[in-house]
Amino acid sequence: MPSRPRNPYDELAALADPDPELDPAPPPRLLPLDLGIMYAEPEDDPWSPPDHRRSGNGRRARRSRRRRRSPFAALPRLAKLLFALVVLVGFLVLADRCAAMYAEKKAQRALQDELHLAAAPQVDIHGFPFLTQVLDKHLDRVDVTVPHVAADRVSLTKVQASARDIKLTGDLPNDIRSAVIGSLNGRVTLSFDDMNRELTASQLKFSRVSDNTVGADGKLSIAGQELRVRAEAQVRPVGTSGLATDIDGMSLDMPGLATYRPGRNRGLTLHRETAELISRDTARVKALLSVPAVVQRLGVPQKDVDLALRNESKLHELTGTPRFLDQLTQVNLVDVVADHPWLLSKIGIDPKLLTGLIAMRPPELSDRLSFSFTLPKEARELQIRDVRVEEGGVVATVSGVEVGVGK
C-alpha cells in the first residue's frame, strides 16, 4: 500500500515545545436531541500540494461550455415552432403587400396614360390577402383619386372613386386586360380657388351662397374702366353627365356714380352719394327735372316741378327732402339716357362708359363668370346623381353599376 506524502510541517511541529496553556482535547459533542449518539468532527483531509494547472483547465472548460450554449437552448420546442411560424407568416404578408404595391403602381401608370393626366393618380387596393384575390379574379375594393382633371374652361380639383366587387379578365396575374366594376361611387370636386385663378385671373372671388348658388364678387375691366361686378350662378346638372351654371343677379358698379344691371331687366340707377350731389347742385337737378320721363318716374307732380324750375328756393325745398333722394336712387335711367345721351354729362357720368355697357350683350358678360364640365367619354357609363355647393367649391356625386374598364 503506498504511503502518503510526508508533510514537512509535521517535522517542525515535533521540534517545538508543547504549549502549557493549551487545554486538552474537548469531549465529543452530543447531538441536540441528546439521544446519546456521539458526533465527532471529521478529520481534516491529508495535505497535498495544489495543482494549479488542473484548476486553470477546469475554469477554461466551464467558460467554453458557457460560450457554446445557444440562447434558444432554454426554449421549449413548441415555442421554437411558434417563433418559426411567426417569421414565416411575416414573410408571406410582406410578399403579399409588395405584390399589392406593384399592382397599384402599374394601375397608376395605366390610368395616367389612358386619361392623359399630367400627374399620376393614387390607387389603393384593399382587402387581404391580395394574391388570393388576383388568383380568384375578383377584387373586393379599389379606391382611385385623380387630381386636376381638365374639364372645359376649368380644372376639376379632385375626382375620387370607390369601386367594389371588381371582376378581372386576362391571363392573371401578369396580364390583366379588363375589369367589370359591380358598383362605383365617386365625388367630383370643383374648388373655388381654381375657379378664381382660371376664370378671371384672380380678379373675381367665388363663394357659397346656398346649396345650389355660387356668388361672384370682384372686378372686371369694361370699356377701359375697372368696375366692380357682383353676380350669382345657379348650378344645375346637364343630363346625366354634365354640369352648367345660369348667371343671374349681375350688377356692375361704377364707383361713386351708378350701378348697371344687364340682362332682361336691365337698368341704370344712381348711388346715394351721387343723388345727394345732384340734389345740392342747381344745374344738375334742373337738367334732370327738364326731362319729362325723369319727372314721371320720380312721381313728382308736374306743377311742383314747373314751380321749382322757376324758383330756386322752391327747387331746394323739393329736392332737399329724404323722400326725393330715395325716389331718385330708384329711377331707372337706362332708357332715358338712351334718348337723351347729353344727360349723362350733365349729371357727371362718362357717356362712353355707359354706351359700352349698353352695347355689351348679356351673354358676353355671363360667359366671363360661367363654368361647366362634362364627364369624359371614358366615363360614359357613369351618371351624375347630385350637385351641391359646399364651402370649398362645387361637388357632384357620380355612380354607376356594371362599369366596364379596359379593352
Protein backbone atom coordinates (compact mmCIF):
# COMPACT_ATOMS: atom_id res chain seq x y z
CA MET A 1 0.00 0.00 0.00
CA PRO A 2 1.65 3.26 -0.99
CA SER A 3 2.39 5.69 1.80
CA ARG A 4 1.01 9.17 1.73
CA PRO A 5 3.40 12.08 1.15
CA ARG A 6 5.24 13.39 4.13
CA ASN A 7 4.18 16.80 5.41
CA PRO A 8 7.24 18.98 6.14
CA TYR A 9 5.30 20.97 8.70
CA ASP A 10 4.88 17.84 10.91
CA GLU A 11 8.66 17.67 11.50
CA LEU A 12 8.78 21.32 12.52
CA ALA A 13 5.89 20.79 14.93
CA ALA A 14 7.68 17.86 16.61
CA LEU A 15 10.75 20.03 17.37
CA ALA A 16 8.67 22.70 19.14
CA ASP A 17 7.94 22.59 22.89
CA PRO A 18 4.40 21.73 23.95
CA ASP A 19 2.20 24.73 24.79
CA PRO A 20 1.29 24.56 28.50
CA GLU A 21 -1.71 26.84 28.15
CA LEU A 22 -3.50 24.63 25.67
CA ASP A 23 -6.44 22.74 27.07
CA PRO A 24 -6.81 19.06 26.49
CA ALA A 25 -8.91 17.97 23.53
CA PRO A 26 -12.61 18.80 24.10
CA PRO A 27 -15.01 15.92 24.67
CA PRO A 28 -17.11 14.67 21.83
CA ARG A 29 -20.17 16.90 21.08
CA LEU A 30 -23.65 15.42 21.60
CA LEU A 31 -26.47 15.83 19.16
CA PRO A 32 -29.11 18.47 20.08
CA LEU A 33 -31.76 15.81 20.90
CA ASP A 34 -29.38 14.23 23.39
CA LEU A 35 -30.01 10.75 22.04
CA GLY A 36 -26.70 9.51 23.32
CA ILE A 37 -25.22 9.39 19.85
CA MET A 38 -21.74 10.66 19.74
CA TYR A 39 -20.74 13.00 16.89
CA ALA A 40 -17.12 13.61 16.21
CA GLU A 41 -15.69 16.24 13.91
CA PRO A 42 -14.29 14.66 10.76
CA GLU A 43 -10.58 14.65 10.42
CA ASP A 44 -9.02 17.07 8.05
CA ASP A 45 -8.16 15.73 4.63
CA PRO A 46 -4.47 14.92 4.28
CA TRP A 47 -2.50 17.79 2.83
CA SER A 48 -1.43 17.66 -0.77
CA PRO A 49 0.30 20.22 -2.99
CA PRO A 50 -2.09 22.37 -5.04
CA ASP A 51 -2.39 21.54 -8.74
CA HIS A 52 -2.74 24.97 -10.38
CA ARG A 53 -2.73 23.52 -13.87
CA ARG A 54 -5.81 21.38 -13.20
CA SER A 55 -7.83 24.26 -11.69
CA GLY A 56 -6.98 26.53 -14.62
CA ASN A 57 -8.08 23.90 -17.12
CA GLY A 58 -11.38 23.49 -15.26
CA ARG A 59 -12.16 27.16 -15.35
CA ARG A 60 -11.39 27.33 -19.06
CA ALA A 61 -13.62 24.33 -19.71
CA ARG A 62 -16.52 25.90 -17.80
CA ARG A 63 -16.11 29.15 -19.70
CA SER A 64 -16.02 27.27 -23.01
CA ARG A 65 -19.25 25.44 -22.14
CA ARG A 66 -20.96 28.75 -21.28
CA ARG A 67 -19.87 30.26 -24.60
CA ARG A 68 -21.15 27.33 -26.66
CA ARG A 69 -24.60 27.44 -25.05
CA SER A 70 -27.26 28.77 -27.61
CA PRO A 71 -29.79 31.44 -26.45
CA PHE A 72 -32.57 29.24 -27.86
CA ALA A 73 -31.37 26.17 -25.94
CA ALA A 74 -33.58 27.01 -22.97
CA LEU A 75 -36.74 27.49 -25.11
CA PRO A 76 -39.15 24.60 -25.31
CA ARG A 77 -39.68 23.00 -28.70
CA LEU A 78 -43.28 24.41 -29.03
CA ALA A 79 -42.04 27.96 -28.54
CA LYS A 80 -39.43 27.45 -31.25
CA LEU A 81 -42.07 26.19 -33.65
CA LEU A 82 -44.32 29.16 -32.90
CA PHE A 83 -41.44 31.57 -33.48
CA ALA A 84 -40.64 29.97 -36.84
CA LEU A 85 -44.34 30.16 -37.79
CA VAL A 86 -44.50 33.87 -36.96
CA VAL A 87 -41.41 34.55 -39.08
CA LEU A 88 -42.91 32.63 -41.99
CA VAL A 89 -46.24 34.48 -41.76
CA GLY A 90 -44.35 37.78 -41.66
CA PHE A 91 -42.52 36.94 -44.88
CA LEU A 92 -45.80 35.93 -46.55
CA VAL A 93 -47.51 39.19 -45.51
CA LEU A 94 -44.54 41.19 -46.76
CA ALA A 95 -44.62 39.38 -50.09
CA ASP A 96 -48.38 39.97 -50.41
CA ARG A 97 -48.04 43.69 -49.67
CA CYS A 98 -45.18 44.02 -52.15
CA ALA A 99 -47.36 42.40 -54.81
CA ALA A 100 -50.23 44.77 -54.00
CA MET A 101 -47.94 47.81 -54.22
CA TYR A 102 -46.62 46.62 -57.58
CA ALA A 103 -50.17 46.25 -58.88
CA GLU A 104 -51.09 49.73 -57.60
CA LYS A 105 -48.14 51.32 -59.38
CA LYS A 106 -48.98 49.52 -62.60
CA ALA A 107 -52.61 50.68 -62.40
CA GLN A 108 -51.50 54.27 -61.77
CA ARG A 109 -49.39 54.32 -64.94
CA ALA A 110 -52.19 52.76 -66.98
CA LEU A 111 -54.75 55.34 -65.79
CA GLN A 112 -52.37 58.22 -66.39
CA ASP A 113 -51.71 57.10 -69.97
CA GLU A 114 -55.36 56.34 -70.76
CA LEU A 115 -56.78 59.60 -69.35
CA HIS A 116 -53.81 61.75 -70.48
CA LEU A 117 -53.24 63.06 -66.96
CA ALA A 118 -50.45 65.44 -66.04
CA ALA A 119 -49.98 63.71 -62.67
CA ALA A 120 -50.28 60.06 -61.76
CA PRO A 121 -53.44 59.17 -59.83
CA GLN A 122 -53.44 57.44 -56.48
CA VAL A 123 -54.66 53.82 -56.45
CA ASP A 124 -55.34 51.89 -53.23
CA ILE A 125 -56.20 48.20 -53.42
CA HIS A 126 -57.99 46.99 -50.29
CA GLY A 127 -58.51 43.50 -48.95
CA PHE A 128 -56.12 40.85 -47.69
CA PRO A 129 -54.57 38.72 -48.95
CA PHE A 130 -54.13 40.36 -52.32
CA LEU A 131 -52.63 37.40 -54.19
CA THR A 132 -55.59 35.14 -53.48
CA GLN A 133 -57.94 37.85 -54.82
CA VAL A 134 -55.94 38.06 -58.04
CA LEU A 135 -55.87 34.30 -58.48
CA ASP A 136 -59.62 34.28 -57.86
CA LYS A 137 -60.02 37.08 -60.47
CA HIS A 138 -62.01 39.17 -58.01
CA LEU A 139 -61.08 42.29 -56.03
CA ASP A 140 -63.13 43.45 -53.08
CA ARG A 141 -62.48 47.20 -53.30
CA VAL A 142 -60.23 49.67 -55.12
CA ASP A 143 -60.09 53.44 -54.39
CA VAL A 144 -58.83 55.90 -57.01
CA THR A 145 -58.05 59.61 -56.55
CA VAL A 146 -57.24 61.71 -59.63
CA PRO A 147 -56.03 65.32 -59.13
CA HIS A 148 -56.56 68.19 -61.57
CA VAL A 149 -58.52 66.83 -64.48
CA ALA A 150 -59.09 69.31 -67.34
CA ALA A 151 -62.80 69.97 -67.94
CA ASP A 152 -63.85 72.69 -70.37
CA ARG A 153 -62.72 76.10 -69.02
CA VAL A 154 -61.86 74.89 -65.54
CA SER A 155 -59.96 72.03 -63.91
CA LEU A 156 -61.61 69.53 -61.64
CA THR A 157 -59.67 69.79 -58.41
CA LYS A 158 -60.20 66.18 -57.40
CA VAL A 159 -62.00 63.12 -58.71
CA GLN A 160 -62.49 60.37 -56.13
CA ALA A 161 -64.00 56.97 -56.89
CA SER A 162 -64.52 53.82 -54.87
CA ALA A 163 -65.07 50.63 -56.88
CA ARG A 164 -66.38 47.43 -55.33
CA ASP A 165 -66.94 43.86 -56.49
CA ILE A 166 -64.43 44.00 -59.36
CA LYS A 167 -64.20 41.03 -61.72
CA LEU A 168 -60.91 40.71 -63.63
CA THR A 169 -60.24 39.12 -67.01
CA GLY A 170 -56.99 38.15 -68.69
CA ASP A 171 -54.01 35.91 -68.04
CA LEU A 172 -53.53 36.53 -64.35
CA PRO A 173 -51.57 37.64 -62.54
CA ASN A 174 -49.24 39.05 -65.21
CA ASP A 175 -51.72 40.31 -67.82
CA ILE A 176 -54.95 41.97 -66.66
CA ARG A 177 -56.78 43.05 -69.81
CA SER A 178 -60.07 44.41 -68.47
CA ALA A 179 -62.38 44.54 -65.49
CA VAL A 180 -66.08 44.88 -64.72
CA ILE A 181 -66.90 47.00 -61.67
CA GLY A 182 -70.00 45.85 -59.86
CA SER A 183 -70.71 49.25 -58.27
CA LEU A 184 -68.87 52.57 -58.35
CA ASN A 185 -69.48 55.72 -56.29
CA GLY A 186 -67.48 58.89 -56.55
CA ARG A 187 -67.19 62.63 -55.98
CA VAL A 188 -66.11 65.30 -58.45
CA THR A 189 -64.87 68.50 -56.78
CA LEU A 190 -64.51 71.89 -58.45
CA SER A 191 -62.84 74.21 -55.94
CA PHE A 192 -63.44 77.95 -55.73
CA ASP A 193 -59.67 78.57 -55.65
CA ASP A 194 -59.25 77.00 -59.10
CA MET A 195 -62.26 78.91 -60.44
CA ASN A 196 -60.83 82.21 -59.14
CA ARG A 197 -57.49 81.52 -60.80
CA GLU A 198 -58.66 80.10 -64.11
CA LEU A 199 -61.75 82.15 -64.93
CA THR A 200 -60.88 85.72 -64.02
CA ALA A 201 -57.14 85.85 -63.34
CA SER A 202 -57.70 86.24 -59.57
CA GLN A 203 -59.82 89.41 -60.03
CA LEU A 204 -63.00 87.63 -59.02
CA LYS A 205 -63.82 85.59 -55.95
CA PHE A 206 -66.38 82.81 -55.89
CA SER A 207 -68.11 81.71 -52.69
CA ARG A 208 -71.09 79.72 -51.48
CA VAL A 209 -74.46 81.49 -51.28
CA SER A 210 -76.76 78.48 -50.87
CA ASP A 211 -76.84 74.75 -51.63
CA ASN A 212 -77.25 75.44 -55.37
CA THR A 213 -75.98 79.00 -55.75
CA VAL A 214 -72.45 80.36 -56.16
CA GLY A 215 -71.76 84.04 -55.54
CA ALA A 216 -69.19 86.06 -57.51
CA ASP A 217 -67.65 89.31 -56.34
CA GLY A 218 -64.70 91.12 -57.86
CA LYS A 219 -63.52 93.41 -60.62
CA LEU A 220 -63.82 93.44 -64.39
CA SER A 221 -62.36 95.84 -66.93
CA ILE A 222 -65.01 97.15 -69.32
CA ALA A 223 -64.59 99.97 -71.82
CA GLY A 224 -61.18 100.75 -70.35
CA GLN A 225 -62.52 101.28 -66.82
CA GLU A 226 -62.39 98.91 -63.87
CA LEU A 227 -65.82 98.14 -62.50
CA ARG A 228 -66.93 96.07 -59.54
CA VAL A 229 -69.02 93.10 -60.58
CA ARG A 230 -71.42 91.04 -58.49
CA ALA A 231 -73.37 88.04 -59.72
CA GLU A 232 -74.96 84.77 -58.70
CA ALA A 233 -74.56 81.50 -60.57
CA GLN A 234 -77.25 78.85 -60.27
CA VAL A 235 -75.64 75.41 -60.53
CA ARG A 236 -77.60 72.70 -62.32
CA PRO A 237 -76.90 69.26 -63.84
CA VAL A 238 -76.99 68.87 -67.62
CA GLY A 239 -78.43 65.47 -68.43
CA THR A 240 -76.64 62.75 -66.50
CA SER A 241 -73.06 63.59 -67.42
CA GLY A 242 -72.58 67.35 -67.16
CA LEU A 243 -72.89 70.45 -65.02
CA ALA A 244 -73.61 74.06 -66.03
CA THR A 245 -74.45 77.43 -64.49
CA ASP A 246 -77.05 80.11 -65.11
CA ILE A 247 -75.79 83.61 -64.29
CA ASP A 248 -78.35 85.79 -62.57
CA GLY A 249 -78.44 88.95 -60.49
CA MET A 250 -75.43 90.52 -62.19
CA SER A 251 -74.56 94.10 -61.37
CA LEU A 252 -71.70 96.37 -62.47
CA ASP A 253 -70.87 99.24 -60.15
CA MET A 254 -69.27 102.45 -61.34
CA PRO A 255 -67.62 103.51 -58.06
CA GLY A 256 -69.32 106.51 -56.54
CA LEU A 257 -71.65 107.01 -59.51
CA ALA A 258 -74.16 104.38 -60.55
CA THR A 259 -74.94 100.68 -60.90
CA TYR A 260 -75.71 98.99 -64.20
CA ARG A 261 -77.65 95.71 -64.37
CA PRO A 262 -77.55 93.88 -67.71
CA GLY A 263 -80.00 91.29 -68.87
CA ARG A 264 -83.72 91.11 -69.33
CA ASN A 265 -84.48 93.62 -66.55
CA ARG A 266 -81.53 95.83 -67.28
CA GLY A 267 -81.25 99.16 -65.56
CA LEU A 268 -79.09 102.08 -64.52
CA THR A 269 -79.58 103.52 -61.03
CA LEU A 270 -77.67 106.25 -59.22
CA HIS A 271 -75.79 105.68 -55.99
CA ARG A 272 -76.95 107.52 -52.89
CA GLU A 273 -73.91 109.81 -52.84
CA THR A 274 -74.47 110.72 -56.50
CA ALA A 275 -78.12 111.56 -55.80
CA GLU A 276 -77.07 113.82 -52.91
CA LEU A 277 -74.56 115.68 -55.10
CA ILE A 278 -77.20 116.23 -57.80
CA SER A 279 -79.80 117.45 -55.31
CA ARG A 280 -77.40 120.08 -53.98
CA ASP A 281 -76.26 121.22 -57.45
CA THR A 282 -78.82 123.53 -59.05
CA ALA A 283 -77.61 122.98 -62.63
CA ARG A 284 -77.64 119.20 -62.34
CA VAL A 285 -81.04 118.90 -60.71
CA LYS A 286 -82.59 121.28 -63.24
CA ALA A 287 -81.14 119.14 -66.04
CA LEU A 288 -82.85 116.06 -64.58
CA LEU A 289 -86.19 117.77 -63.98
CA SER A 290 -86.19 119.16 -67.51
CA VAL A 291 -86.68 115.63 -68.89
CA PRO A 292 -90.37 114.62 -68.64
CA ALA A 293 -89.54 110.91 -68.46
CA VAL A 294 -87.47 111.50 -65.32
CA VAL A 295 -90.21 113.61 -63.73
CA GLN A 296 -92.73 110.88 -64.47
CA ARG A 297 -90.58 108.19 -62.89
CA LEU A 298 -89.90 110.36 -59.86
CA GLY A 299 -93.62 110.63 -59.24
CA VAL A 300 -93.45 114.39 -58.63
CA PRO A 301 -96.46 116.47 -59.76
CA GLN A 302 -95.65 118.45 -62.87
CA LYS A 303 -96.94 121.72 -61.35
CA ASP A 304 -94.45 121.39 -58.46
CA VAL A 305 -91.64 120.77 -60.92
CA ASP A 306 -92.59 123.81 -63.03
CA LEU A 307 -92.66 125.97 -59.89
CA ALA A 308 -89.27 124.63 -58.73
CA LEU A 309 -87.68 125.31 -62.08
CA ARG A 310 -88.77 128.99 -61.81
CA ASN A 311 -87.90 129.46 -58.11
CA GLU A 312 -84.62 128.17 -56.65
CA SER A 313 -85.90 128.23 -53.08
CA LYS A 314 -88.79 126.00 -54.14
CA LEU A 315 -86.30 123.86 -56.06
CA HIS A 316 -84.14 123.25 -52.98
CA GLU A 317 -87.22 122.70 -50.89
CA LEU A 318 -88.36 120.00 -53.32
CA THR A 319 -85.02 118.25 -53.83
CA GLY A 320 -83.74 118.54 -50.24
CA THR A 321 -86.17 116.04 -48.73
CA PRO A 322 -85.14 112.39 -47.96
CA ARG A 323 -88.16 111.23 -49.97
CA PHE A 324 -86.81 112.87 -53.15
CA LEU A 325 -83.39 111.21 -52.65
CA ASP A 326 -84.98 107.78 -52.21
CA GLN A 327 -87.06 108.22 -55.35
CA LEU A 328 -84.05 109.43 -57.34
CA THR A 329 -81.92 106.36 -56.41
CA GLN A 330 -84.73 104.07 -57.64
CA VAL A 331 -85.24 105.67 -61.02
CA ASN A 332 -84.08 103.51 -63.94
CA LEU A 333 -82.24 105.87 -66.27
CA VAL A 334 -81.15 103.34 -68.90
CA ASP A 335 -83.90 104.22 -71.41
CA VAL A 336 -83.79 107.90 -70.52
CA VAL A 337 -80.12 108.30 -71.30
CA ALA A 338 -80.58 106.29 -74.49
CA ASP A 339 -82.95 109.03 -75.73
CA HIS A 340 -81.08 111.90 -74.03
CA PRO A 341 -77.35 110.98 -74.07
CA TRP A 342 -76.40 114.54 -73.10
CA LEU A 343 -78.00 113.97 -69.70
CA LEU A 344 -75.11 111.73 -68.55
CA SER A 345 -72.60 114.52 -68.93
CA LYS A 346 -74.87 116.86 -67.02
CA ILE A 347 -75.06 114.51 -64.02
CA GLY A 348 -71.34 113.61 -64.10
CA ILE A 349 -71.25 110.20 -65.84
CA ASP A 350 -68.98 109.46 -68.80
CA PRO A 351 -71.30 108.69 -71.75
CA LYS A 352 -68.69 106.41 -73.35
CA LEU A 353 -68.74 104.08 -70.34
CA LEU A 354 -72.49 103.62 -70.33
CA THR A 355 -72.52 103.28 -74.12
CA GLY A 356 -70.02 100.46 -73.83
CA LEU A 357 -72.07 98.76 -71.10
CA ILE A 358 -75.33 99.01 -73.02
CA ALA A 359 -73.69 97.79 -76.23
CA MET A 360 -72.26 94.73 -74.44
CA ARG A 361 -74.52 91.75 -74.73
CA PRO A 362 -75.52 89.99 -71.51
CA PRO A 363 -74.24 86.59 -72.69
CA GLU A 364 -70.82 88.12 -73.22
CA LEU A 365 -70.74 89.21 -69.58
CA SER A 366 -72.17 85.93 -68.34
CA ASP A 367 -69.57 83.91 -70.21
CA ARG A 368 -66.86 85.55 -68.14
CA LEU A 369 -68.42 84.14 -64.98
CA SER A 370 -69.95 80.86 -66.14
CA PHE A 371 -68.33 77.46 -65.68
CA SER A 372 -69.29 73.94 -66.66
CA PHE A 373 -67.87 70.48 -67.18
CA THR A 374 -68.81 67.19 -68.79
CA LEU A 375 -67.62 63.76 -67.76
CA PRO A 376 -65.04 62.37 -70.22
CA LYS A 377 -66.12 59.82 -72.77
CA GLU A 378 -64.16 57.14 -70.91
CA ALA A 379 -66.68 57.59 -68.07
CA ARG A 380 -69.80 57.49 -70.23
CA GLU A 381 -71.25 54.69 -68.09
CA LEU A 382 -71.25 56.93 -65.01
CA GLN A 383 -74.10 59.27 -64.12
CA ILE A 384 -74.19 62.49 -62.09
CA ARG A 385 -76.68 61.96 -59.28
CA ASP A 386 -76.47 65.21 -57.36
CA VAL A 387 -74.81 68.63 -57.49
CA ARG A 388 -74.24 70.61 -54.32
CA VAL A 389 -72.40 73.82 -53.42
CA GLU A 390 -70.19 73.43 -50.34
CA GLU A 391 -67.89 75.85 -48.53
CA GLY A 392 -64.85 74.98 -50.63
CA GLY A 393 -66.47 74.55 -54.02
CA VAL A 394 -68.97 72.66 -56.13
CA VAL A 395 -69.28 68.90 -55.54
CA ALA A 396 -71.04 66.45 -57.85
CA THR A 397 -71.67 62.85 -56.85
CA VAL A 398 -71.45 60.16 -59.54
CA SER A 399 -72.31 56.48 -59.57
CA GLY A 400 -72.55 53.52 -61.88
CA VAL A 401 -73.18 49.78 -61.95
CA GLU A 402 -71.54 47.10 -64.08
CA VAL A 403 -68.98 49.59 -65.36
CA GLY A 404 -66.51 48.17 -67.88
CA VAL A 405 -62.87 49.21 -67.75
CA GLY A 406 -60.11 48.34 -70.20
CA LYS A 407 -60.19 46.66 -73.59
